[in-house]
Amino acid sequence: MRGYTLYKLPENDLNPSNLWQKFFLTRNNANFADMIQITIIGSGNVGQHLIKAFSASKSVEIKQVYSRQKEKVLYLVSPEKIVTDYENLEPSDLYIIAVSDNAISDVSSQLPFNNQLVVHTSGTSPLYILDSKNRRGVFYPLQTFSKTKNVDFSVIPICLEAENTADYKLLEIAAKSISTAIFSINSEQRKALHVAAVFVNNFTNHLYQIGQDICTENQVSFDVLKPLIQETADKINTLDPADAQTGPAIRQDTNTIDAHLAFLQNKNQKDIYKILTQSIQNNGKKL
């Protein structure tokens, strides 16, 4: 991989006896015929999908994977690349922390090196949650991940943020090695995106579950609804959501709404129906 320049440490900060700084000096003075070296820290849903994606890239090498449970990633990388102790981490161009939000700060503070490029994959956590002893950034793939469901990483938006241009460029090269959808997004924008994603993904999936429960309780196959679900999702490719809205709420069809509320016996389902109906109607008044 040619054409990028790593962040350079100030000359008075360089110590050739330090393993990481030796690596740093070598990488800065090289012509970058070698691939970018990436270490993944974490073995959950996001971490495992990143390992799969980068393993398939021709311009990135997975240097190491940190996992508290080695067996979780043995099917993805060779055993010698897996470490269970931070002290065994070796120099890499990029360290990606793929852990739960409440663990990011603690993990970044335990890393046994300084002045390296360390990023997290969170949609909500700001860049500055990372320990400032290292150069900080964000590598956020905006997608829902399940371990048992493969995804096409080439179409997944990856939102990037870094503290300097050189580090952003390196993140961009790494991102482009697995995806065609790269976006420069700051921490506040990323938080807004994550909130929006919860509405369109997590809440929507919960509504699917409620729909399935209603079908099951009334001995109707949930498969009957799947073409409707697909068409609803497909509409967003050609229509704004406000223009695609249909149903009794937007039509102000009180007879149907009252009949549905009378049918629903589950209080939680009834409350959600009322809240969403009111929200659709309130939004409709603004159109």
C-alpha atoms as a PDB file:
ATOM      1  CA  MET A   1       0.000   0.000   0.000  1.00  0.00           C
ATOM      2  CA  ARG A   2       1.576   3.287  -1.107  1.00  0.00           C
ATOM      3  CA  GLY A   3       0.618   6.925  -0.865  1.00  0.00           C
ATOM      4  CA  TYR A   4      -0.138   7.593   2.791  1.00  0.00           C
ATOM      5  CA  THR A   5       2.036   9.153   5.487  1.00  0.00           C
ATOM      6  CA  LEU A   6       1.729   8.223   9.108  1.00  0.00           C
ATOM      7  CA  TYR A   7       1.562  10.821  11.850  1.00  0.00           C
ATOM      8  CA  LYS A   8       5.164  11.650  12.778  1.00  0.00           C
ATOM      9  CA  LEU A   9       6.301  11.853  16.380  1.00  0.00           C
ATOM     10  CA  PRO A  10       8.319  14.924  17.327  1.00  0.00           C
ATOM     11  CA  GLU A  11      12.024  14.138  17.059  1.00  0.00           C
ATOM     12  CA  ASN A  12      12.612  14.718  20.783  1.00  0.00           C
ATOM     13  CA  ASP A  13       9.902  12.164  21.628  1.00  0.00           C
ATOM     14  CA  LEU A  14      11.542   9.367  19.667  1.00  0.00           C
ATOM     15  CA  ASN A  15      13.293   6.556  21.511  1.00  0.00           C
ATOM     16  CA  PRO A  16      14.756   3.915  19.168  1.00  0.00           C
ATOM     17  CA  SER A  17      14.914   1.400  22.029  1.00  0.00           C
ATOM     18  CA  ASN A  18      11.113   1.465  22.363  1.00  0.00           C
ATOM     19  CA  LEU A  19       9.410  -1.329  20.389  1.00  0.00           C
ATOM     20  CA  TRP A  20       6.501   0.823  19.237  1.00  0.00           C
ATOM     21  CA  GLN A  21       8.707   3.759  18.279  1.00  0.00           C
ATOM     22  CA  LYS A  22      11.011   1.434  16.352  1.00  0.00           C
ATOM     23  CA  PHE A  23       7.973   0.301  14.434  1.00  0.00           C
ATOM     24  CA  PHE A  24       6.890   3.904  13.992  1.00  0.00           C
ATOM     25  CA  LEU A  25      10.264   4.950  12.602  1.00  0.00           C
ATOM     26  CA  THR A  26      10.303   1.985  10.240  1.00  0.00           C
ATOM     27  CA  ARG A  27       6.803   2.691   8.925  1.00  0.00           C
ATOM     28  CA  ASN A  28       7.507   6.404   8.471  1.00  0.00           C
ATOM     29  CA  ASN A  29      10.680   5.717   6.525  1.00  0.00           C
ATOM     30  CA  ALA A  30       9.254   2.893   4.397  1.00  0.00           C
ATOM     31  CA  ASN A  31       7.742   3.204   0.932  1.00  0.00           C
ATOM     32  CA  PHE A  32       4.598   1.413   2.218  1.00  0.00           C
ATOM     33  CA  ALA A  33       4.747  -1.526  -0.120  1.00  0.00           C
ATOM     34  CA  ASP A  34       3.523  -3.470   2.907  1.00  0.00           C
ATOM     35  CA  MET A  35      -0.121  -3.682   3.846  1.00  0.00           C
ATOM     36  CA  ILE A  36      -1.661  -1.623   6.634  1.00  0.00           C
ATOM     37  CA  GLN A  37      -1.431  -3.574   9.875  1.00  0.00           C
ATOM     38  CA  ILE A  38      -4.531  -3.537  12.055  1.00  0.00           C
ATOM     39  CA  THR A  39      -5.157  -4.944  15.524  1.00  0.00           C
ATOM     40  CA  ILE A  40      -8.749  -5.622  16.579  1.00  0.00           C
ATOM     41  CA  ILE A  41      -9.468  -5.347  20.302  1.00  0.00           C
ATOM     42  CA  GLY A  42     -12.724  -7.134  21.111  1.00  0.00           C
ATOM     43  CA  SER A  43     -14.493 -10.260  19.889  1.00  0.00           C
ATOM     44  CA  GLY A  44     -18.182  -9.362  20.004  1.00  0.00           C
ATOM     45  CA  ASN A  45     -20.521  -8.870  17.045  1.00  0.00           C
ATOM     46  CA  VAL A  46     -18.747  -5.827  15.590  1.00  0.00           C
ATOM     47  CA  GLY A  47     -15.278  -7.175  16.263  1.00  0.00           C
ATOM     48  CA  GLN A  48     -15.953 -10.499  14.570  1.00  0.00           C
ATOM     49  CA  HIS A  49     -17.503  -8.869  11.501  1.00  0.00           C
ATOM     50  CA  LEU A  50     -14.532  -6.496  11.203  1.00  0.00           C
ATOM     51  CA  ILE A  51     -12.156  -9.455  11.400  1.00  0.00           C
ATOM     52  CA  LYS A  52     -14.053 -11.159   8.560  1.00  0.00           C
ATOM     53  CA  ALA A  53     -14.091  -8.009   6.430  1.00  0.00           C
ATOM     54  CA  PHE A  54     -10.428  -7.096   6.891  1.00  0.00           C
ATOM     55  CA  SER A  55      -9.348 -10.713   6.407  1.00  0.00           C
ATOM     56  CA  ALA A  56     -10.857 -10.566   2.922  1.00  0.00           C
ATOM     57  CA  SER A  57      -9.043  -7.310   2.060  1.00  0.00           C
ATOM     58  CA  LYS A  58      -5.899  -7.370  -0.064  1.00  0.00           C
ATOM     59  CA  SER A  59      -4.557  -4.102   1.356  1.00  0.00           C
ATOM     60  CA  VAL A  60      -4.918  -4.799   5.084  1.00  0.00           C
ATOM     61  CA  GLU A  61      -3.266  -7.329   7.371  1.00  0.00           C
ATOM     62  CA  ILE A  62      -4.796  -8.260  10.704  1.00  0.00           C
ATOM     63  CA  LYS A  63      -1.754  -8.154  12.955  1.00  0.00           C
ATOM     64  CA  GLN A  64      -3.447  -9.355  16.138  1.00  0.00           C
ATOM     65  CA  VAL A  65      -6.835  -9.851  17.786  1.00  0.00           C
ATOM     66  CA  TYR A  66      -7.347  -9.291  21.496  1.00  0.00           C
ATOM     67  CA  SER A  67     -10.055 -11.471  23.025  1.00  0.00           C
ATOM     68  CA  ARG A  68     -10.581 -12.438  26.644  1.00  0.00           C
ATOM     69  CA  GLN A  69     -11.934 -15.758  25.355  1.00  0.00           C
ATOM     70  CA  LYS A  70      -9.527 -17.082  22.741  1.00  0.00           C
ATOM     71  CA  GLU A  71     -11.978 -19.704  21.452  1.00  0.00           C
ATOM     72  CA  LYS A  72     -14.431 -17.028  20.298  1.00  0.00           C
ATOM     73  CA  VAL A  73     -12.202 -16.025  17.372  1.00  0.00           C
ATOM     74  CA  LEU A  74     -10.269 -19.219  16.654  1.00  0.00           C
ATOM     75  CA  TYR A  75     -12.471 -19.832  13.623  1.00  0.00           C
ATOM     76  CA  LEU A  76     -11.514 -16.426  12.203  1.00  0.00           C
ATOM     77  CA  VAL A  77      -7.761 -16.041  12.759  1.00  0.00           C
ATOM     78  CA  SER A  78      -4.805 -18.289  13.439  1.00  0.00           C
ATOM     79  CA  PRO A  79      -4.067 -18.991  17.141  1.00  0.00           C
ATOM     80  CA  GLU A  80      -0.716 -17.174  17.128  1.00  0.00           C
ATOM     81  CA  LYS A  81      -2.471 -13.902  16.268  1.00  0.00           C
ATOM     82  CA  ILE A  82      -4.822 -14.055  19.258  1.00  0.00           C
ATOM     83  CA  VAL A  83      -3.772 -12.473  22.558  1.00  0.00           C
ATOM     84  CA  THR A  84      -5.582 -12.444  25.892  1.00  0.00           C
ATOM     85  CA  ASP A  85      -3.286  -9.979  27.651  1.00  0.00           C
ATOM     86  CA  TYR A  86      -2.846  -6.333  26.634  1.00  0.00           C
ATOM     87  CA  GLU A  87       0.862  -6.600  27.452  1.00  0.00           C
ATOM     88  CA  ASN A  88       1.235  -8.999  24.514  1.00  0.00           C
ATOM     89  CA  LEU A  89      -0.007  -6.479  21.952  1.00  0.00           C
ATOM     90  CA  GLU A  90       2.537  -5.736  19.248  1.00  0.00           C
ATOM     91  CA  PRO A  91       2.999  -2.574  17.145  1.00  0.00           C
ATOM     92  CA  SER A  92       0.341  -1.945  14.476  1.00  0.00           C
ATOM     93  CA  ASP A  93      -0.614   0.961  12.248  1.00  0.00           C
ATOM     94  CA  LEU A  94      -4.105   1.005  13.724  1.00  0.00           C
ATOM     95  CA  TYR A  95      -5.821  -0.368  16.843  1.00  0.00           C
ATOM     96  CA  ILE A  96      -9.596  -0.728  16.631  1.00  0.00           C
ATOM     97  CA  ILE A  97     -11.410  -1.069  19.967  1.00  0.00           C
ATOM     98  CA  ALA A  98     -14.650  -2.946  19.283  1.00  0.00           C
ATOM     99  CA  VAL A  99     -16.174  -3.345  22.744  1.00  0.00           C
ATOM    100  CA  SER A 100     -19.332  -2.160  24.507  1.00  0.00           C
ATOM    101  CA  ASP A 101     -19.600   1.585  25.049  1.00  0.00           C
ATOM    102  CA  ASN A 102     -19.166   1.378  28.811  1.00  0.00           C
ATOM    103  CA  ALA A 103     -15.855  -0.497  28.388  1.00  0.00           C
ATOM    104  CA  ILE A 104     -14.162   1.784  25.817  1.00  0.00           C
ATOM    105  CA  SER A 105     -12.556   4.191  28.282  1.00  0.00           C
ATOM    106  CA  ASP A 106     -11.238   1.432  30.543  1.00  0.00           C
ATOM    107  CA  VAL A 107      -9.834  -0.612  27.647  1.00  0.00           C
ATOM    108  CA  SER A 108      -8.097   2.389  26.067  1.00  0.00           C
ATOM    109  CA  SER A 109      -6.477   3.311  29.377  1.00  0.00           C
ATOM    110  CA  GLN A 110      -5.052  -0.213  29.756  1.00  0.00           C
ATOM    111  CA  LEU A 111      -3.226  -0.237  26.423  1.00  0.00           C
ATOM    112  CA  PRO A 112       0.525  -0.493  27.138  1.00  0.00           C
ATOM    113  CA  PHE A 113       1.743   2.109  24.642  1.00  0.00           C
ATOM    114  CA  ASN A 114       1.549   5.810  23.749  1.00  0.00           C
ATOM    115  CA  ASN A 115       1.226   7.931  20.599  1.00  0.00           C
ATOM    116  CA  GLN A 116      -0.390   5.178  18.531  1.00  0.00           C
ATOM    117  CA  LEU A 117      -3.588   5.504  16.501  1.00  0.00           C
ATOM    118  CA  VAL A 118      -6.434   4.023  18.576  1.00  0.00           C
ATOM    119  CA  VAL A 119     -10.081   4.236  17.493  1.00  0.00           C
ATOM    120  CA  HIS A 120     -13.416   2.968  18.764  1.00  0.00           C
ATOM    121  CA  THR A 121     -16.461   1.726  16.838  1.00  0.00           C
ATOM    122  CA  SER A 122     -19.249   3.299  18.896  1.00  0.00           C
ATOM    123  CA  GLY A 123     -22.108   5.302  17.442  1.00  0.00           C
ATOM    124  CA  THR A 124     -22.785   7.246  20.647  1.00  0.00           C
ATOM    125  CA  SER A 125     -19.481   7.648  22.483  1.00  0.00           C
ATOM    126  CA  PRO A 126     -17.428  10.751  21.588  1.00  0.00           C
ATOM    127  CA  LEU A 127     -13.877  10.573  20.300  1.00  0.00           C
ATOM    128  CA  TYR A 128     -12.507  12.008  23.540  1.00  0.00           C
ATOM    129  CA  ILE A 129     -13.710   9.012  25.606  1.00  0.00           C
ATOM    130  CA  LEU A 130     -10.482   7.353  24.456  1.00  0.00           C
ATOM    131  CA  ASP A 131      -7.382   7.848  26.600  1.00  0.00           C
ATOM    132  CA  SER A 132      -5.436  10.885  25.377  1.00  0.00           C
ATOM    133  CA  LYS A 133      -2.081   9.094  25.716  1.00  0.00           C
ATOM    134  CA  ASN A 134      -2.719   7.823  22.177  1.00  0.00           C
ATOM    135  CA  ARG A 135      -3.875   9.504  18.965  1.00  0.00           C
ATOM    136  CA  ARG A 136      -7.642   9.121  18.907  1.00  0.00           C
ATOM    137  CA  GLY A 137     -10.245   8.429  16.268  1.00  0.00           C
ATOM    138  CA  VAL A 138     -13.533   6.744  15.415  1.00  0.00           C
ATOM    139  CA  PHE A 139     -14.223   3.938  12.944  1.00  0.00           C
ATOM    140  CA  TYR A 140     -18.013   3.459  13.125  1.00  0.00           C
ATOM    141  CA  PRO A 141     -19.677   0.972  10.756  1.00  0.00           C
ATOM    142  CA  LEU A 142     -23.362   1.925  10.747  1.00  0.00           C
ATOM    143  CA  GLN A 143     -25.104  -1.426  10.504  1.00  0.00           C
ATOM    144  CA  THR A 144     -26.879  -3.989  12.672  1.00  0.00           C
ATOM    145  CA  PHE A 145     -24.621  -6.966  13.328  1.00  0.00           C
ATOM    146  CA  SER A 146     -25.526 -10.488  14.404  1.00  0.00           C
ATOM    147  CA  LYS A 147     -22.854 -13.164  14.687  1.00  0.00           C
ATOM    148  CA  THR A 148     -24.907 -15.735  12.770  1.00  0.00           C
ATOM    149  CA  LYS A 149     -25.818 -13.388   9.872  1.00  0.00           C
ATOM    150  CA  ASN A 150     -23.219 -12.457   7.271  1.00  0.00           C
ATOM    151  CA  VAL A 151     -23.294  -8.911   5.890  1.00  0.00           C
ATOM    152  CA  ASP A 152     -21.987  -7.291   2.715  1.00  0.00           C
ATOM    153  CA  PHE A 153     -19.439  -4.889   4.183  1.00  0.00           C
ATOM    154  CA  SER A 154     -18.860  -3.220   0.811  1.00  0.00           C
ATOM    155  CA  VAL A 155     -22.141  -1.272   1.148  1.00  0.00           C
ATOM    156  CA  ILE A 156     -21.985  -0.536   4.876  1.00  0.00           C
ATOM    157  CA  PRO A 157     -21.471   3.180   5.648  1.00  0.00           C
ATOM    158  CA  ILE A 158     -18.335   3.730   7.717  1.00  0.00           C
ATOM    159  CA  CYS A 159     -18.232   6.997   9.653  1.00  0.00           C
ATOM    160  CA  LEU A 160     -14.750   8.312  10.388  1.00  0.00           C
ATOM    161  CA  GLU A 161     -13.314  10.896  12.758  1.00  0.00           C
ATOM    162  CA  ALA A 162      -9.720  11.693  13.700  1.00  0.00           C
ATOM    163  CA  GLU A 163      -7.721  14.388  15.461  1.00  0.00           C
ATOM    164  CA  ASN A 164      -5.463  15.167  12.517  1.00  0.00           C
ATOM    165  CA  THR A 165      -5.417  14.885   8.735  1.00  0.00           C
ATOM    166  CA  ALA A 166      -2.759  12.178   8.527  1.00  0.00           C
ATOM    167  CA  ASP A 167      -4.616   9.873  10.887  1.00  0.00           C
ATOM    168  CA  TYR A 168      -7.893  10.504   9.066  1.00  0.00           C
ATOM    169  CA  LYS A 169      -6.191   9.556   5.798  1.00  0.00           C
ATOM    170  CA  LEU A 170      -5.011   6.266   7.274  1.00  0.00           C
ATOM    171  CA  LEU A 171      -8.520   5.529   8.595  1.00  0.00           C
ATOM    172  CA  GLU A 172      -9.923   6.358   5.168  1.00  0.00           C
ATOM    173  CA  ILE A 173      -7.561   3.931   3.447  1.00  0.00           C
ATOM    174  CA  ALA A 174      -8.474   1.193   5.923  1.00  0.00           C
ATOM    175  CA  ALA A 175     -12.194   1.897   5.497  1.00  0.00           C
ATOM    176  CA  LYS A 176     -11.985   1.931   1.706  1.00  0.00           C
ATOM    177  CA  SER A 177     -10.352  -1.487   1.794  1.00  0.00           C
ATOM    178  CA  ILE A 178     -13.674  -2.977   2.978  1.00  0.00           C
ATOM    179  CA  SER A 179     -16.407  -0.485   2.005  1.00  0.00           C
ATOM    180  CA  THR A 180     -17.413   1.912  -0.753  1.00  0.00           C
ATOM    181  CA  ALA A 181     -19.436   4.190   1.568  1.00  0.00           C
ATOM    182  CA  ILE A 182     -17.103   6.381   3.638  1.00  0.00           C
ATOM    183  CA  PHE A 183     -18.273   9.475   5.528  1.00  0.00           C
ATOM    184  CA  SER A 184     -16.490  12.121   7.581  1.00  0.00           C
ATOM    185  CA  ILE A 185     -18.741  12.520  10.634  1.00  0.00           C
ATOM    186  CA  ASN A 186     -17.983  14.374  13.865  1.00  0.00           C
ATOM    187  CA  SER A 187     -19.027  13.117  17.307  1.00  0.00           C
ATOM    188  CA  GLU A 188     -22.263  15.141  17.526  1.00  0.00           C
ATOM    189  CA  GLN A 189     -23.349  14.116  14.027  1.00  0.00           C
ATOM    190  CA  ARG A 190     -22.551  10.488  14.820  1.00  0.00           C
ATOM    191  CA  LYS A 191     -24.677  10.630  17.970  1.00  0.00           C
ATOM    192  CA  ALA A 192     -27.595  11.983  15.918  1.00  0.00           C
ATOM    193  CA  LEU A 193     -27.109   9.194  13.374  1.00  0.00           C
ATOM    194  CA  HIS A 194     -27.086   6.588  16.135  1.00  0.00           C
ATOM    195  CA  VAL A 195     -30.332   7.919  17.633  1.00  0.00           C
ATOM    196  CA  ALA A 196     -31.928   7.868  14.174  1.00  0.00           C
ATOM    197  CA  ALA A 197     -30.621   4.331  13.652  1.00  0.00           C
ATOM    198  CA  VAL A 198     -32.279   3.169  16.874  1.00  0.00           C
ATOM    199  CA  PHE A 199     -35.611   4.417  15.535  1.00  0.00           C
ATOM    200  CA  VAL A 200     -35.325   2.892  12.053  1.00  0.00           C
ATOM    201  CA  ASN A 201     -33.698  -0.362  13.148  1.00  0.00           C
ATOM    202  CA  ASN A 202     -34.061  -1.341  16.806  1.00  0.00           C
ATOM    203  CA  PHE A 203     -37.543   0.063  17.358  1.00  0.00           C
ATOM    204  CA  THR A 204     -38.726  -1.197  13.973  1.00  0.00           C
ATOM    205  CA  ASN A 205     -37.464  -4.698  14.742  1.00  0.00           C
ATOM    206  CA  HIS A 206     -39.302  -4.590  18.078  1.00  0.00           C
ATOM    207  CA  LEU A 207     -42.486  -3.760  16.193  1.00  0.00           C
ATOM    208  CA  TYR A 208     -41.823  -6.805  13.991  1.00  0.00           C
ATOM    209  CA  GLN A 209     -41.687  -8.855  17.172  1.00  0.00           C
ATOM    210  CA  ILE A 210     -45.012  -7.439  18.365  1.00  0.00           C
ATOM    211  CA  GLY A 211     -46.535  -8.201  14.969  1.00  0.00           C
ATOM    212  CA  GLN A 212     -45.217 -11.765  15.148  1.00  0.00           C
ATOM    213  CA  ASP A 213     -46.607 -12.174  18.672  1.00  0.00           C
ATOM    214  CA  ILE A 214     -50.050 -11.029  17.512  1.00  0.00           C
ATOM    215  CA  CYS A 215     -49.923 -13.456  14.591  1.00  0.00           C
ATOM    216  CA  THR A 216     -48.812 -16.342  16.804  1.00  0.00           C
ATOM    217  CA  GLU A 217     -51.516 -15.661  19.381  1.00  0.00           C
ATOM    218  CA  ASN A 218     -54.135 -15.785  16.614  1.00  0.00           C
ATOM    219  CA  GLN A 219     -52.670 -18.772  14.741  1.00  0.00           C
ATOM    220  CA  VAL A 220     -51.656 -16.809  11.648  1.00  0.00           C
ATOM    221  CA  SER A 221     -48.276 -17.293   9.943  1.00  0.00           C
ATOM    222  CA  PHE A 222     -45.973 -14.282  10.261  1.00  0.00           C
ATOM    223  CA  ASP A 223     -44.833 -15.082   6.700  1.00  0.00           C
ATOM    224  CA  VAL A 224     -48.043 -13.470   5.429  1.00  0.00           C
ATOM    225  CA  LEU A 225     -46.676 -10.082   6.566  1.00  0.00           C
ATOM    226  CA  LYS A 226     -43.190 -10.418   5.073  1.00  0.00           C
ATOM    227  CA  PRO A 227     -44.055  -9.067   1.576  1.00  0.00           C
ATOM    228  CA  LEU A 228     -45.611  -6.028   3.286  1.00  0.00           C
ATOM    229  CA  ILE A 229     -42.491  -5.521   5.406  1.00  0.00           C
ATOM    230  CA  GLN A 230     -40.286  -5.760   2.299  1.00  0.00           C
ATOM    231  CA  GLU A 231     -42.406  -3.314   0.295  1.00  0.00           C
ATOM    232  CA  THR A 232     -42.393  -0.830   3.181  1.00  0.00           C
ATOM    233  CA  ALA A 233     -38.580  -0.948   3.287  1.00  0.00           C
ATOM    234  CA  ASP A 234     -38.264  -0.754  -0.508  1.00  0.00           C
ATOM    235  CA  LYS A 235     -40.370   2.417  -0.679  1.00  0.00           C
ATOM    236  CA  ILE A 236     -37.681   4.385   1.154  1.00  0.00           C
ATOM    237  CA  ASN A 237     -35.459   4.048  -1.913  1.00  0.00           C
ATOM    238  CA  THR A 238     -37.860   6.155  -3.978  1.00  0.00           C
ATOM    239  CA  LEU A 239     -40.052   8.075  -1.504  1.00  0.00           C
ATOM    240  CA  ASP A 240     -39.485  10.212   1.567  1.00  0.00           C
ATOM    241  CA  PRO A 241     -40.898   8.439   4.664  1.00  0.00           C
ATOM    242  CA  ALA A 242     -43.512  11.168   5.116  1.00  0.00           C
ATOM    243  CA  ASP A 243     -44.767  10.607   1.553  1.00  0.00           C
ATOM    244  CA  ALA A 244     -44.795   6.824   2.015  1.00  0.00           C
ATOM    245  CA  GLN A 245     -46.924   6.861   5.185  1.00  0.00           C
ATOM    246  CA  THR A 246     -50.237   4.997   4.855  1.00  0.00           C
ATOM    247  CA  GLY A 247     -52.724   3.431   7.270  1.00  0.00           C
ATOM    248  CA  PRO A 248     -55.620   4.417   9.537  1.00  0.00           C
ATOM    249  CA  ALA A 249     -53.649   6.978  11.580  1.00  0.00           C
ATOM    250  CA  ILE A 250     -52.659   9.210   8.639  1.00  0.00           C
ATOM    251  CA  ARG A 251     -56.185   8.835   7.219  1.00  0.00           C
ATOM    252  CA  GLN A 252     -57.715   9.826  10.568  1.00  0.00           C
ATOM    253  CA  ASP A 253     -59.793   6.621  10.340  1.00  0.00           C
ATOM    254  CA  THR A 254     -61.137   6.603  13.905  1.00  0.00           C
ATOM    255  CA  ASN A 255     -63.451   3.627  13.353  1.00  0.00           C
ATOM    256  CA  THR A 256     -60.551   1.349  12.406  1.00  0.00           C
ATOM    257  CA  ILE A 257     -58.330   2.746  15.161  1.00  0.00           C
ATOM    258  CA  ASP A 258     -61.025   2.131  17.799  1.00  0.00           C
ATOM    259  CA  ALA A 259     -61.580  -1.400  16.483  1.00  0.00           C
ATOM    260  CA  HIS A 260     -57.870  -2.168  16.704  1.00  0.00           C
ATOM    261  CA  LEU A 261     -57.630  -0.812  20.249  1.00  0.00           C
ATOM    262  CA  ALA A 262     -60.650  -2.898  21.284  1.00  0.00           C
ATOM    263  CA  PHE A 263     -58.998  -5.996  19.763  1.00  0.00           C
ATOM    264  CA  LEU A 264     -55.686  -5.529  21.584  1.00  0.00           C
ATOM    265  CA  GLN A 265     -55.764  -7.048  25.072  1.00  0.00           C
ATOM    266  CA  ASN A 266     -52.075  -6.621  25.851  1.00  0.00           C
ATOM    267  CA  LYS A 267     -51.641  -3.262  27.641  1.00  0.00           C
ATOM    268  CA  ASN A 268     -48.098  -2.722  26.313  1.00  0.00           C
ATOM    269  CA  GLN A 269     -49.211  -3.341  22.719  1.00  0.00           C
ATOM    270  CA  LYS A 270     -52.213  -1.048  23.183  1.00  0.00           C
ATOM    271  CA  ASP A 271     -50.074   1.764  24.654  1.00  0.00           C
ATOM    272  CA  ILE A 272     -47.552   1.519  21.786  1.00  0.00           C
ATOM    273  CA  TYR A 273     -50.403   1.565  19.246  1.00  0.00           C
ATOM    274  CA  LYS A 274     -51.807   4.749  20.824  1.00  0.00           C
ATOM    275  CA  ILE A 275     -48.410   6.499  20.998  1.00  0.00           C
ATOM    276  CA  LEU A 276     -47.514   5.705  17.382  1.00  0.00           C
ATOM    277  CA  THR A 277     -50.981   6.642  16.137  1.00  0.00           C
ATOM    278  CA  GLN A 278     -50.732  10.013  17.878  1.00  0.00           C
ATOM    279  CA  SER A 279     -47.205  10.573  16.557  1.00  0.00           C
ATOM    280  CA  ILE A 280     -48.273   9.829  12.954  1.00  0.00           C
ATOM    281  CA  GLN A 281     -51.261  12.149  13.265  1.00  0.00           C
ATOM    282  CA  ASN A 282     -49.200  14.951  14.830  1.00  0.00           C
ATOM    283  CA  ASN A 283     -46.616  14.628  12.058  1.00  0.00           C
ATOM    284  CA  GLY A 284     -49.374  14.626   9.454  1.00  0.00           C
ATOM    285  CA  LYS A 285     -50.589  18.016  10.668  1.00  0.00           C
ATOM    286  CA  LYS A 286     -47.177  19.479   9.753  1.00  0.00           C
ATOM    287  CA  LEU A 287     -47.302  18.221   6.163  1.00  0.00           C
END
